[in-house]
Amino acid sequence: MNTRKSARSSPFAYPGFRLPLSKTALVAFAMACLVSPVSSASRQSAPLPPQRPRGAKPPPIVAQPTSPTPPQASPTQPAADAPAPAARQDVDTCLSKLNDEGVKSSVAMPPAPAMAACGISAPVQLISIALSGGAVVDLPDHPMVECEFARVFSDYVRTAVAPLATGTLGSGVATIRTGPGYDCRGRDHFAGGKVSAHGKGIAVDLTEMVFADKRRVSVDHQTGAQETAFFHGVRAAACGWFTTVLGPGSDAFHANNIHIDIEKHGSSGGYRICQ
């Protein structure tokens, strides 16, 4: 994933498809911290000490021997980019929500990270996503992702991808190829570079879709205007759910896939890369 170019909105427009700007995933980024004013009760003066009797002399000051303070061992601080471990209760809550939303998944065990900043606090493997009409979208790559990312991705598939497939191609989407999801590596596979969103389990790469009519369409090869319009719509709609969307034309690394993730960008995390 390359972040050297950024844009606040997608250049990909699909006639007849309205970008769901009101349905954005993770739009509340860095919230301003509000400092509560000090209450009047806390402004009350502290009680004064009792007055010394008139004429009394202050007690003599006796020097106390001092001893050097032994050095205190400072606790080891985690790496700045390392993900914080999630509480078990949070993991269970997320998994329960996935199940309620019709997402079939299983708890995963990621391999030992090759980079210090890699890791997933609540890893799951996605298997399939149930749609409102009873159809099921299969995810044969069983991508390993962060549980909260799984919820964002499944909502995107149900709310945007599935309706676009039916409306544009006249056939429901049956299978989505996503790649492995979690992959501990640098961005754009550069060794020693900043860790990719894949290394945090918050990204997948859409490469191909299979539809109910057995049609198979890949990101880098479409036949006819309808298939092209479908992928343009899928790509444009992704900007409403994800903070990074990169596809063919953005750079050489995404010539055959649409990369989507929910990584925060910049010091405030308030903008999106949509190319």
Foldseek 3Di string as FASTA:
>chain_A
DDDPDFDFAAPQDFPPDDQPLVQFAPQDFFDDDDDDDDDPVVVDDDDDDDDDPPPDDDDDDDDDDDDDDDDDDDDDDADPLADDADDPVVLVVLVVVCVVQQWDKAFDDDDDAPDSNFDENRKIFTAWGAEPVGAIEGAVLRAIAHSVLVVLVNCLCRPFLQVLCCVLVVWGWHYWYWHRQADFAAVVRDHPHHTDLSRHRFKTWTFWIATPVRDIDGQQDDDDDSRVSSSSRSLNNLVRYFQEWDACPRDPSHNRTIMGGHDFDDPRSNGGGRD
